[in-house]
Amino acid sequence: MVAVAVPTSDLSTIVEVLDRAAVMNAEVEAYVEPATETSVRRSMTFAEWHTRATAAAAWLSELGVGANDVVCIVMAPSIDFAVASQAVARVGGIVSGVNPRMGATERGTIFDRMQPMVTLVEDDHVADLGPSAGLVATRSSLVDASWSASEYEPLPRASTDPVAVVWTSGTTGAPKGALFDHESLKAVAAGTDVLSQPGDRRLSPLPFSHVSYVTRAWDEIAHAVTTVISPSPWKAPSALKAMVAERITVAQGVPTQWALLLGLDEFENADLSSLRVAGTGAARMAASDVARLRTRLKVPVVVRYTSTETSLGTGTRPGDSDEIVATTVGRPVTGVEILLVDPEGGAVAPGEVGRVQLRSAASMKGYVASRVGLERGLPPVIDIGLTTQALGDDGWVTTGDFGVLDHSGNLTLVGRDNEMYQRGGYNVYPAEVEKCLEQLTSVAAVAVVAGNDPILGEVGVAFVVASSIGDPPRLDDLRRTVGAELADYKAPDVMVVLAELPVTSMGKIDKRGLLQAANEAAAERSEGLRAPGSD
């Protein structure tokens, strides 16, 4: 069956979109779990998704889930997760995906605040949950229910009704829950441009609790996109195997994942002729790696930037140079406005550093407040105090990122507010320092983190993965390279060589995990400077 685009301009909810897609693209695969060494290939068509979600909705209704009730899903990416998510929407509930890799404290914080009616978990994780998780149901129970012949009439909902809460990563504190309604999801679909065409087969490497999955459901259903789920945990050989076997047209991954794929011997000769575009984001990719990837795949490489709160942001375009893809995150996508502001909220000129603000109809409605004491059936309450720190009355979302706009409108990120440090009273943005250091052929990867210093306040500590184990760079090399392009105070004061950089569950460099080592390295430097006879 040839996939066709589903017209949705007259539809109000994600439930209605699947209702229509189940007819227009009945036999098109909606989801695929590729075959692995230990499991057979599984798939689900749009018609089957509709049938299974309807039956699962009847089951959730029997469990007591109704309008505005929260259902937490603590499951790995799977067909069953997709069934559960659509089933929750059909009973008028709110999906709150929880990354299974979160720690017990982080999960407990979410359960305490959301007071879920039901929490769906993998069969072997029931004992890991606390008392606030509500009624705990296993994935097996969900599967059994979804294969029953139960019928259920979807609860009528409006476009402005809440449908999902997406949690921030929590790397700087307790996770915050961004609330989205059906209108938000519809707006996201209007801004996905080159990454969505009818009939695409898209490799998904991200947790289904991530904003890039949760808020893109409308887009993927309307474009009859087949979501091919990377085997979990993600490994380069299995991801490559899936790209070949499933005839992937859109492959996405963070730079660390693409680097691992490029390092595979079998990557060079793999049949990837079905690809039409490759996407990356979450961190920078060196221009040389962009060129290698583009040359090997023979398709455009594009980068995307957004935040949990905004869903949509900026992106490069096919035809942009490797340098633009490597050093910028492109221009605003359809429907998105961008503004860079100074500490007083005034717009900065092109070429000047400012905090990034984004505005679009796809943005969150606000951060959810605790549901403790909230009467059942009522929609979530917005935490006004927390929300106003990020979302203004005028719709502008203030991100945690600082950047620079060039005269072509391309945005270059230079650091996050929790990463910026002050060396002797001068602001230093680690991202721009890292960008310089990545030019060194002796540096395979680098992360700059602030370490405490009794004289300067903070100093830069460069954690470096050397290109050659036997020939690591020297601190002088790093300082000379930075000093040639940036102010001298931005050059790192300390260098630490690592075999590899730690990463988070999202594949981003875990700078929080490097903080203690940065402080220890900075302390050693300080002691050395104070020691008698030292330089």
Protein backbone atom coordinates (compact mmCIF):
# COMPACT_ATOMS: atom_id res chain seq x y z
CA MET A 1 0.00 0.00 0.00
CA VAL A 2 1.35 3.43 -0.97
CA ALA A 3 1.39 5.88 1.93
CA VAL A 4 -0.50 9.13 1.46
CA ALA A 5 -0.54 12.34 3.48
CA VAL A 6 -3.51 12.60 5.81
CA PRO A 7 -5.29 15.99 5.70
CA THR A 8 -5.67 17.21 9.28
CA SER A 9 -6.47 20.93 9.05
CA ASP A 10 -10.05 20.21 10.14
CA LEU A 11 -9.05 17.92 13.03
CA SER A 12 -8.67 18.93 16.68
CA THR A 13 -6.99 16.01 18.46
CA ILE A 14 -4.34 13.37 17.98
CA VAL A 15 -7.06 10.75 18.41
CA GLU A 16 -8.90 12.04 15.35
CA VAL A 17 -5.69 11.98 13.33
CA LEU A 18 -5.18 8.27 13.99
CA ASP A 19 -8.86 7.57 13.30
CA ARG A 20 -8.41 9.00 9.81
CA ALA A 21 -4.99 7.49 9.19
CA ALA A 22 -6.27 4.03 10.13
CA VAL A 23 -8.56 4.27 7.09
CA MET A 24 -6.36 6.12 4.60
CA ASN A 25 -3.13 4.25 5.42
CA ALA A 26 -4.56 1.08 6.94
CA GLU A 27 -1.85 -1.32 5.74
CA VAL A 28 1.12 1.03 6.10
CA GLU A 29 3.46 0.10 8.94
CA ALA A 30 3.29 2.65 11.74
CA TYR A 31 5.96 1.02 13.92
CA VAL A 32 8.66 -1.58 13.49
CA GLU A 33 10.84 -3.30 16.06
CA PRO A 34 13.69 -4.72 13.94
CA ALA A 35 14.92 -8.26 14.34
CA THR A 36 17.88 -8.75 16.66
CA GLU A 37 20.01 -11.68 17.70
CA THR A 38 17.52 -12.46 20.46
CA SER A 39 14.17 -11.35 19.02
CA VAL A 40 12.13 -11.55 15.83
CA ARG A 41 10.91 -8.58 13.83
CA ARG A 42 7.63 -7.03 15.04
CA SER A 43 5.52 -4.46 13.27
CA MET A 44 2.18 -2.70 13.60
CA THR A 45 0.15 -1.03 10.84
CA PHE A 46 -1.87 2.13 11.34
CA ALA A 47 -5.07 0.08 11.30
CA GLU A 48 -3.66 -2.30 13.90
CA TRP A 49 -2.51 0.63 16.02
CA HIS A 50 -6.03 2.01 16.00
CA THR A 51 -7.55 -1.36 16.93
CA ARG A 52 -5.07 -2.10 19.69
CA ALA A 53 -5.23 1.41 21.15
CA THR A 54 -9.02 1.24 21.22
CA ALA A 55 -8.93 -2.04 23.15
CA ALA A 56 -6.25 -0.70 25.51
CA ALA A 57 -8.37 2.41 26.10
CA ALA A 58 -11.27 0.23 27.19
CA TRP A 59 -8.93 -1.50 29.64
CA LEU A 60 -7.63 1.80 31.04
CA SER A 61 -11.19 3.00 31.44
CA GLU A 62 -11.99 -0.13 33.46
CA LEU A 63 -8.97 0.69 35.66
CA GLY A 64 -10.56 4.06 36.37
CA VAL A 65 -8.61 6.33 34.03
CA GLY A 66 -10.69 9.20 32.69
CA ALA A 67 -10.52 12.83 31.62
CA ASN A 68 -7.37 14.63 32.79
CA ASP A 69 -6.06 11.65 34.74
CA VAL A 70 -2.32 11.12 34.43
CA VAL A 71 -0.83 7.84 33.25
CA CYS A 72 2.92 7.49 33.68
CA ILE A 73 4.67 5.19 31.20
CA VAL A 74 8.01 3.89 32.44
CA MET A 75 8.92 1.70 29.48
CA ALA A 76 11.63 1.36 26.87
CA PRO A 77 10.75 2.51 23.33
CA SER A 78 8.43 -0.08 21.80
CA ILE A 79 5.28 -0.71 19.84
CA ASP A 80 3.52 -1.23 23.15
CA PHE A 81 4.57 2.25 24.34
CA ALA A 82 2.91 3.71 21.23
CA VAL A 83 -0.26 1.71 21.90
CA ALA A 84 -0.34 2.92 25.51
CA SER A 85 0.23 6.55 24.56
CA GLN A 86 -2.64 6.61 22.06
CA ALA A 87 -4.89 4.66 24.47
CA VAL A 88 -4.35 7.28 27.17
CA ALA A 89 -5.33 10.03 24.73
CA ARG A 90 -8.49 8.13 23.77
CA VAL A 91 -9.74 8.08 27.36
CA GLY A 92 -8.96 11.79 27.71
CA GLY A 93 -5.95 11.19 29.92
CA ILE A 94 -2.52 12.80 30.01
CA VAL A 95 0.61 10.84 29.11
CA SER A 96 3.66 11.37 31.29
CA GLY A 97 6.56 9.41 29.85
CA VAL A 98 9.33 8.61 32.30
CA ASN A 99 12.76 7.56 31.05
CA PRO A 100 13.48 4.11 32.56
CA ARG A 101 17.09 5.20 33.01
CA MET A 102 16.07 7.86 35.54
CA GLY A 103 17.11 7.21 39.09
CA ALA A 104 14.61 6.25 41.79
CA THR A 105 14.72 9.74 43.30
CA GLU A 106 13.96 11.43 39.96
CA ARG A 107 11.12 9.00 39.25
CA GLY A 108 9.76 9.46 42.75
CA THR A 109 9.70 13.23 42.27
CA ILE A 110 7.59 12.82 39.14
CA PHE A 111 5.19 10.37 40.78
CA ASP A 112 4.81 12.62 43.81
CA ARG A 113 3.95 15.63 41.67
CA MET A 114 1.77 13.91 39.05
CA GLN A 115 -0.16 11.55 41.33
CA PRO A 116 -0.78 9.17 38.39
CA MET A 117 -3.92 7.08 38.31
CA VAL A 118 -1.93 4.29 36.63
CA THR A 119 1.76 3.69 36.01
CA LEU A 120 2.73 1.28 33.22
CA VAL A 121 6.08 -0.46 33.66
CA GLU A 122 8.17 -3.23 32.20
CA ASP A 123 7.33 -6.58 33.79
CA ASP A 124 10.55 -6.73 35.81
CA HIS A 125 10.37 -3.18 37.25
CA VAL A 126 7.26 -3.33 39.42
CA ALA A 127 9.21 -3.51 42.68
CA ASP A 128 11.24 -0.40 41.83
CA LEU A 129 8.36 2.05 42.23
CA GLY A 130 7.32 4.03 45.28
CA PRO A 131 3.90 4.56 46.86
CA SER A 132 3.00 7.58 44.71
CA ALA A 133 2.95 5.61 41.45
CA GLY A 134 -0.77 4.82 41.74
CA LEU A 135 -2.05 1.53 40.34
CA VAL A 136 0.96 -0.22 38.81
CA ALA A 137 0.26 -2.26 35.67
CA THR A 138 2.76 -4.24 33.66
CA ARG A 139 3.52 -4.14 29.97
CA SER A 140 2.25 -7.72 29.66
CA SER A 141 -1.12 -6.68 31.04
CA LEU A 142 -1.27 -3.83 28.53
CA VAL A 143 -0.40 -6.18 25.66
CA ASP A 144 -3.04 -8.71 26.69
CA ALA A 145 -5.66 -5.96 26.91
CA SER A 146 -4.70 -4.45 23.55
CA TRP A 147 -5.23 -7.77 21.76
CA SER A 148 -8.73 -8.20 23.15
CA ALA A 149 -11.79 -7.42 21.06
CA SER A 150 -12.92 -4.59 23.33
CA GLU A 151 -14.60 -1.55 21.80
CA TYR A 152 -14.34 1.95 23.19
CA GLU A 153 -15.74 5.27 22.03
CA PRO A 154 -13.08 7.99 22.48
CA LEU A 155 -13.89 10.62 25.04
CA PRO A 156 -14.67 13.89 23.23
CA ARG A 157 -11.80 16.33 23.65
CA ALA A 158 -10.97 19.83 22.45
CA SER A 159 -7.78 21.03 20.78
CA THR A 160 -6.85 22.95 23.93
CA ASP A 161 -7.18 19.95 26.24
CA PRO A 162 -3.89 18.71 27.75
CA VAL A 163 -2.44 15.54 26.28
CA ALA A 164 1.15 15.13 27.49
CA VAL A 165 3.71 16.17 30.08
CA VAL A 166 7.34 16.00 29.00
CA TRP A 167 10.07 16.15 31.62
CA THR A 168 13.29 18.07 31.41
CA SER A 169 16.46 16.06 31.82
CA GLY A 170 16.95 17.25 35.38
CA THR A 171 20.72 17.75 34.98
CA THR A 172 20.51 20.97 37.00
CA GLY A 173 17.95 19.97 39.60
CA ALA A 174 14.58 18.28 39.97
CA PRO A 175 12.86 17.55 36.63
CA LYS A 176 10.28 20.07 35.44
CA GLY A 177 7.19 18.92 33.54
CA ALA A 178 6.29 20.82 30.36
CA LEU A 179 2.59 20.57 29.52
CA PHE A 180 1.36 20.26 25.91
CA ASP A 181 -2.12 20.19 24.41
CA HIS A 182 -3.36 18.87 21.06
CA GLU A 183 -2.85 22.26 19.41
CA SER A 184 0.84 22.11 20.33
CA LEU A 185 1.23 18.78 18.56
CA LYS A 186 -0.57 20.10 15.48
CA ALA A 187 1.80 23.08 15.38
CA VAL A 188 4.84 20.81 15.60
CA ALA A 189 3.64 18.96 12.50
CA ALA A 190 3.67 22.24 10.56
CA GLY A 191 7.35 22.84 11.34
CA THR A 192 9.05 19.51 10.66
CA ASP A 193 9.79 20.38 6.98
CA VAL A 194 12.52 18.26 5.39
CA LEU A 195 12.43 15.58 8.08
CA SER A 196 8.92 14.42 7.17
CA GLN A 197 7.57 13.27 3.84
CA PRO A 198 4.67 10.85 3.26
CA GLY A 199 5.87 7.29 3.53
CA ASP A 200 9.16 8.02 5.28
CA ARG A 201 10.76 5.24 7.27
CA ARG A 202 12.45 6.99 10.18
CA LEU A 203 14.97 5.45 12.54
CA SER A 204 14.23 6.60 16.09
CA PRO A 205 17.19 6.41 18.50
CA LEU A 206 15.60 8.40 21.35
CA PRO A 207 13.63 7.38 24.46
CA PHE A 208 9.88 7.70 23.85
CA SER A 209 9.66 9.94 26.92
CA HIS A 210 11.66 12.56 25.00
CA VAL A 211 10.04 15.66 23.53
CA SER A 212 11.20 14.65 20.05
CA TYR A 213 8.91 11.63 20.23
CA VAL A 214 6.01 12.80 22.38
CA THR A 215 5.22 16.01 20.52
CA ARG A 216 5.78 14.59 17.02
CA ALA A 217 2.97 12.06 17.06
CA TRP A 218 0.65 14.26 14.97
CA ASP A 219 3.34 14.78 12.34
CA GLU A 220 4.27 11.11 12.10
CA ILE A 221 0.68 9.89 11.82
CA ALA A 222 -0.32 12.59 9.32
CA HIS A 223 2.68 11.85 7.10
CA ALA A 224 2.26 8.08 7.44
CA VAL A 225 5.79 7.84 8.79
CA THR A 226 6.99 4.39 9.75
CA THR A 227 8.89 4.70 13.01
CA VAL A 228 11.64 2.09 13.19
CA ILE A 229 12.73 1.73 16.80
CA SER A 230 16.44 1.30 17.42
CA PRO A 231 17.09 -1.80 19.55
CA SER A 232 17.61 -0.83 23.18
CA PRO A 233 20.21 -0.26 24.53
CA TRP A 234 21.48 1.55 21.43
CA LYS A 235 24.49 -0.06 19.78
CA ALA A 236 26.06 0.97 16.50
CA PRO A 237 26.06 -2.50 14.84
CA SER A 238 22.36 -3.10 15.55
CA ALA A 239 21.44 0.43 14.44
CA LEU A 240 23.28 -0.06 11.14
CA LYS A 241 21.64 -3.42 10.61
CA ALA A 242 18.23 -1.82 11.10
CA MET A 243 19.04 1.02 8.68
CA VAL A 244 19.84 -1.49 5.97
CA ALA A 245 17.12 -4.08 6.61
CA GLU A 246 14.32 -1.57 7.12
CA ARG A 247 15.22 0.69 4.15
CA ILE A 248 15.46 3.77 6.33
CA THR A 249 14.86 7.09 4.57
CA VAL A 250 15.43 9.41 7.55
CA ALA A 251 18.18 8.50 10.00
CA GLN A 252 18.67 10.54 13.14
CA GLY A 253 21.26 10.40 15.88
CA VAL A 254 23.35 12.51 18.20
CA PRO A 255 26.98 13.11 17.14
CA THR A 256 28.33 10.39 19.43
CA GLN A 257 26.06 7.84 17.74
CA TRP A 258 27.09 8.94 14.25
CA ALA A 259 30.76 8.79 15.30
CA LEU A 260 30.31 5.19 16.43
CA LEU A 261 28.59 4.32 13.15
CA LEU A 262 31.38 5.94 11.14
CA GLY A 263 33.85 3.84 13.10
CA LEU A 264 32.30 0.54 12.02
CA ASP A 265 34.18 -1.34 9.29
CA GLU A 266 30.89 -2.56 7.84
CA PHE A 267 29.50 0.99 7.61
CA GLU A 268 31.56 1.71 4.51
CA ASN A 269 29.89 -0.94 2.34
CA ALA A 270 26.41 -1.05 3.87
CA ASP A 271 23.51 -0.55 1.45
CA LEU A 272 22.00 2.73 2.61
CA SER A 273 20.61 3.76 -0.78
CA SER A 274 17.11 4.30 0.67
CA LEU A 275 18.29 7.28 2.73
CA ARG A 276 17.23 10.78 1.67
CA VAL A 277 18.41 12.81 4.71
CA ALA A 278 20.41 12.37 7.91
CA GLY A 279 19.71 14.41 11.03
CA THR A 280 21.75 15.22 14.09
CA GLY A 281 21.61 17.53 17.10
CA ALA A 282 22.11 17.86 20.89
CA ALA A 283 25.84 18.58 20.41
CA ARG A 284 28.25 19.78 17.76
CA MET A 285 29.71 17.58 15.07
CA ALA A 286 33.07 18.57 13.62
CA ALA A 287 32.98 19.83 10.01
CA SER A 288 35.24 16.96 8.96
CA ASP A 289 32.78 14.46 10.42
CA VAL A 290 29.85 16.20 8.71
CA ALA A 291 31.73 15.91 5.42
CA ARG A 292 32.55 12.25 6.02
CA LEU A 293 28.95 11.48 6.88
CA ARG A 294 27.53 13.40 3.93
CA THR A 295 30.02 11.81 1.53
CA ARG A 296 29.41 8.30 2.79
CA LEU A 297 25.62 8.54 2.95
CA LYS A 298 25.30 10.60 -0.25
CA VAL A 299 22.46 12.62 1.31
CA PRO A 300 22.19 16.01 3.03
CA VAL A 301 23.09 16.18 6.72
CA VAL A 302 20.98 18.61 8.73
CA VAL A 303 21.13 19.66 12.36
CA ARG A 304 18.16 20.54 14.55
CA TYR A 305 18.01 22.53 17.79
CA THR A 306 15.14 22.89 20.21
CA SER A 307 14.34 22.58 23.89
CA THR A 308 11.84 20.57 25.86
CA GLU A 309 9.77 23.69 26.39
CA THR A 310 9.60 24.76 22.74
CA SER A 311 9.32 21.50 20.71
CA LEU A 312 10.41 23.41 17.61
CA GLY A 313 13.43 25.64 17.14
CA THR A 314 16.01 26.03 14.43
CA GLY A 315 17.64 23.89 11.79
CA THR A 316 20.07 23.89 8.92
CA ARG A 317 18.81 23.17 5.43
CA PRO A 318 19.85 20.78 2.68
CA GLY A 319 22.52 22.57 0.68
CA ASP A 320 24.06 24.36 3.66
CA SER A 321 27.83 23.95 3.81
CA ASP A 322 29.50 21.45 6.09
CA GLU A 323 30.87 24.39 8.08
CA ILE A 324 27.37 25.79 8.72
CA VAL A 325 26.08 22.37 9.77
CA ALA A 326 29.07 21.89 12.07
CA THR A 327 29.21 25.31 13.69
CA THR A 328 25.61 26.51 13.76
CA VAL A 329 22.14 25.14 14.46
CA GLY A 330 20.67 26.92 11.47
CA ARG A 331 17.71 29.26 11.14
CA PRO A 332 14.20 29.13 12.65
CA VAL A 333 12.00 26.44 11.12
CA THR A 334 8.51 27.18 9.81
CA GLY A 335 6.34 28.90 12.41
CA VAL A 336 9.17 29.77 14.80
CA GLU A 337 10.46 33.23 15.76
CA ILE A 338 13.84 33.79 17.41
CA LEU A 339 15.25 36.61 19.52
CA LEU A 340 18.56 37.00 21.34
CA VAL A 341 18.43 39.24 24.39
CA ASP A 342 20.76 40.82 26.92
CA PRO A 343 20.29 40.49 30.73
CA GLU A 344 17.77 43.35 30.68
CA GLY A 345 15.69 41.70 27.98
CA GLY A 346 16.75 43.97 25.13
CA ALA A 347 17.57 42.54 21.70
CA VAL A 348 21.28 42.21 20.92
CA ALA A 349 22.84 43.00 17.55
CA PRO A 350 24.00 40.32 15.10
CA GLY A 351 27.36 38.98 16.20
CA GLU A 352 26.75 39.68 19.89
CA VAL A 353 26.10 37.02 22.52
CA GLY A 354 22.56 36.87 23.88
CA ARG A 355 20.21 34.48 25.58
CA VAL A 356 18.11 32.56 23.08
CA GLN A 357 14.36 33.11 23.07
CA LEU A 358 11.96 31.15 20.84
CA ARG A 359 8.26 31.65 20.12
CA SER A 360 5.79 29.43 18.28
CA ALA A 361 2.42 27.75 18.66
CA ALA A 362 4.25 24.51 19.40
CA SER A 363 5.59 25.67 22.77
CA MET A 364 4.48 24.28 26.11
CA LYS A 365 1.53 25.77 27.98
CA GLY A 366 3.62 25.94 31.12
CA TYR A 367 5.26 23.81 33.80
CA VAL A 368 2.78 21.67 35.70
CA ALA A 369 2.28 22.21 39.40
CA SER A 370 1.92 19.38 41.89
CA ARG A 371 -1.38 17.52 41.59
CA VAL A 372 -1.45 16.72 45.30
CA GLY A 373 -4.90 17.70 46.55
CA LEU A 374 -6.21 18.42 43.04
CA GLU A 375 -9.76 17.13 42.51
CA ARG A 376 -9.98 14.30 39.99
CA GLY A 377 -11.17 15.25 36.55
CA LEU A 378 -9.73 18.74 36.67
CA PRO A 379 -6.97 19.68 34.18
CA PRO A 380 -3.43 20.22 35.46
CA VAL A 381 -2.66 23.48 37.19
CA ILE A 382 0.21 25.57 35.85
CA ASP A 383 2.97 26.47 38.31
CA ILE A 384 2.92 30.22 37.64
CA GLY A 385 6.10 31.02 39.55
CA LEU A 386 8.13 28.36 37.80
CA THR A 387 6.58 28.96 34.39
CA THR A 388 7.16 32.72 34.31
CA GLN A 389 10.89 32.07 34.63
CA ALA A 390 10.79 30.54 31.15
CA LEU A 391 7.53 31.51 29.39
CA GLY A 392 6.39 35.11 29.08
CA ASP A 393 2.85 36.40 28.60
CA ASP A 394 3.87 37.32 25.05
CA GLY A 395 4.67 33.69 24.22
CA TRP A 396 8.45 33.98 24.18
CA VAL A 397 10.23 31.03 25.80
CA THR A 398 13.56 31.94 27.37
CA THR A 399 15.86 28.98 26.92
CA GLY A 400 18.91 28.14 28.98
CA ASP A 401 21.17 28.71 25.97
CA PHE A 402 23.34 31.61 24.89
CA GLY A 403 24.08 32.16 21.24
CA VAL A 404 25.08 34.46 18.40
CA LEU A 405 23.13 35.21 15.22
CA ASP A 406 25.10 35.91 12.06
CA HIS A 407 23.89 38.16 9.26
CA SER A 408 22.36 35.18 7.45
CA GLY A 409 20.22 34.37 10.49
CA ASN A 410 22.10 31.23 11.48
CA LEU A 411 22.34 30.64 15.21
CA THR A 412 25.60 29.54 16.85
CA LEU A 413 25.27 28.29 20.41
CA VAL A 414 28.06 29.33 22.75
CA GLY A 415 26.95 27.80 26.05
CA ARG A 416 24.23 27.24 28.61
CA ASP A 417 23.45 29.41 31.60
CA ASN A 418 24.48 26.63 33.97
CA GLU A 419 27.75 26.10 32.06
CA MET A 420 28.92 29.69 31.67
CA TYR A 421 31.59 30.58 34.19
CA GLN A 422 33.49 33.68 35.20
CA ARG A 423 37.27 33.64 35.14
CA GLY A 424 38.52 36.70 36.97
CA GLY A 425 35.19 38.44 36.38
CA TYR A 426 35.04 37.70 32.66
CA ASN A 427 32.29 35.52 31.17
CA VAL A 428 33.43 32.35 29.41
CA TYR A 429 31.09 30.17 27.34
CA PRO A 430 32.48 26.63 27.13
CA ALA A 431 30.91 25.86 23.75
CA GLU A 432 32.94 28.49 21.92
CA VAL A 433 36.14 27.25 23.59
CA GLU A 434 35.32 23.65 22.64
CA LYS A 435 34.66 24.74 19.06
CA CYS A 436 38.21 26.10 18.88
CA LEU A 437 39.80 23.04 20.44
CA GLU A 438 38.01 20.64 18.12
CA GLN A 439 40.14 22.06 15.30
CA LEU A 440 43.24 20.38 16.75
CA THR A 441 44.00 17.11 14.97
CA SER A 442 45.30 15.73 18.26
CA VAL A 443 41.87 16.21 19.89
CA ALA A 444 39.20 13.59 19.19
CA ALA A 445 36.68 15.03 21.66
CA VAL A 446 36.67 17.74 24.31
CA ALA A 447 34.49 19.16 27.07
CA VAL A 448 35.28 22.34 29.00
CA VAL A 449 33.97 22.57 32.57
CA ALA A 450 34.54 25.21 35.23
CA GLY A 451 36.61 24.37 38.29
CA ASN A 452 36.69 26.47 41.46
CA ASP A 453 39.74 28.66 42.01
CA PRO A 454 40.54 30.71 45.17
CA ILE A 455 42.02 33.62 43.20
CA LEU A 456 40.15 33.79 39.88
CA GLY A 457 36.86 32.39 41.13
CA GLU A 458 36.66 29.81 38.37
CA VAL A 459 39.02 28.43 35.74
CA GLY A 460 38.44 26.34 32.66
CA VAL A 461 39.25 22.63 32.81
CA ALA A 462 39.49 20.95 29.41
CA PHE A 463 38.69 17.23 29.44
CA VAL A 464 40.27 15.85 26.29
CA VAL A 465 40.04 12.55 24.44
CA ALA A 466 43.22 12.31 22.40
CA SER A 467 43.14 11.25 18.75
CA SER A 468 46.23 9.12 19.42
CA ILE A 469 46.78 7.48 22.79
CA GLY A 470 50.54 7.78 22.45
CA ASP A 471 50.52 11.43 21.42
CA PRO A 472 48.03 13.48 23.46
CA PRO A 473 47.92 17.27 23.06
CA ARG A 474 49.63 19.54 25.55
CA LEU A 475 47.97 22.26 27.57
CA ASP A 476 50.12 24.82 25.74
CA ASP A 477 48.66 23.59 22.44
CA LEU A 478 45.16 24.13 23.75
CA ARG A 479 45.88 27.59 25.12
CA ARG A 480 47.65 28.71 21.96
CA THR A 481 44.78 27.53 19.76
CA VAL A 482 42.13 29.31 21.83
CA GLY A 483 44.22 32.46 22.18
CA ALA A 484 44.52 32.75 18.42
CA GLU A 485 40.73 33.13 18.03
CA LEU A 486 39.31 34.22 21.40
CA ALA A 487 40.21 36.38 24.36
CA ASP A 488 43.17 35.02 26.31
CA TYR A 489 41.11 34.61 29.48
CA LYS A 490 38.98 32.01 27.66
CA ALA A 491 41.93 29.62 27.23
CA PRO A 492 41.67 26.60 29.57
CA ASP A 493 43.96 26.62 32.59
CA VAL A 494 43.93 22.87 33.16
CA MET A 495 43.86 19.84 30.88
CA VAL A 496 42.75 16.33 31.84
CA VAL A 497 43.12 13.47 29.35
CA LEU A 498 40.36 10.84 29.40
CA ALA A 499 39.83 7.64 27.42
CA GLU A 500 36.27 8.80 26.69
CA LEU A 501 33.85 11.49 27.80
CA PRO A 502 30.90 10.46 29.99
CA VAL A 503 27.49 10.82 28.34
CA THR A 504 23.93 11.08 29.61
CA SER A 505 21.06 8.78 28.66
CA MET A 506 20.37 11.18 25.76
CA GLY A 507 23.87 10.84 24.37
CA LYS A 508 24.93 14.33 25.47
CA ILE A 509 28.23 14.90 27.23
CA ASP A 510 27.57 14.62 30.96
CA LYS A 511 29.24 17.79 32.18
CA ARG A 512 27.60 17.51 35.57
CA GLY A 513 29.41 14.20 35.97
CA LEU A 514 32.70 15.99 35.31
CA LEU A 515 32.23 18.73 37.91
CA GLN A 516 33.97 16.97 40.78
CA ALA A 517 36.93 16.03 38.60
CA ALA A 518 37.10 19.62 37.34
CA ASN A 519 37.23 21.00 40.89
CA GLU A 520 39.89 18.47 41.87
CA ALA A 521 42.02 19.32 38.84
CA ALA A 522 41.64 23.04 39.50
CA ALA A 523 42.61 22.54 43.15
CA GLU A 524 45.76 20.66 42.12
CA ARG A 525 46.67 23.56 39.82
CA SER A 526 46.13 26.05 42.63
CA GLU A 527 48.25 24.04 45.05
CA GLY A 528 50.99 23.78 42.45
CA LEU A 529 51.04 27.54 41.93
CA ARG A 530 51.34 28.12 45.67
CA ALA A 531 53.99 25.47 46.30
CA PRO A 532 57.52 26.78 47.06
CA GLY A 533 59.68 26.78 43.97
CA SER A 534 56.77 26.27 41.59
CA ASP A 535 56.37 28.27 38.41
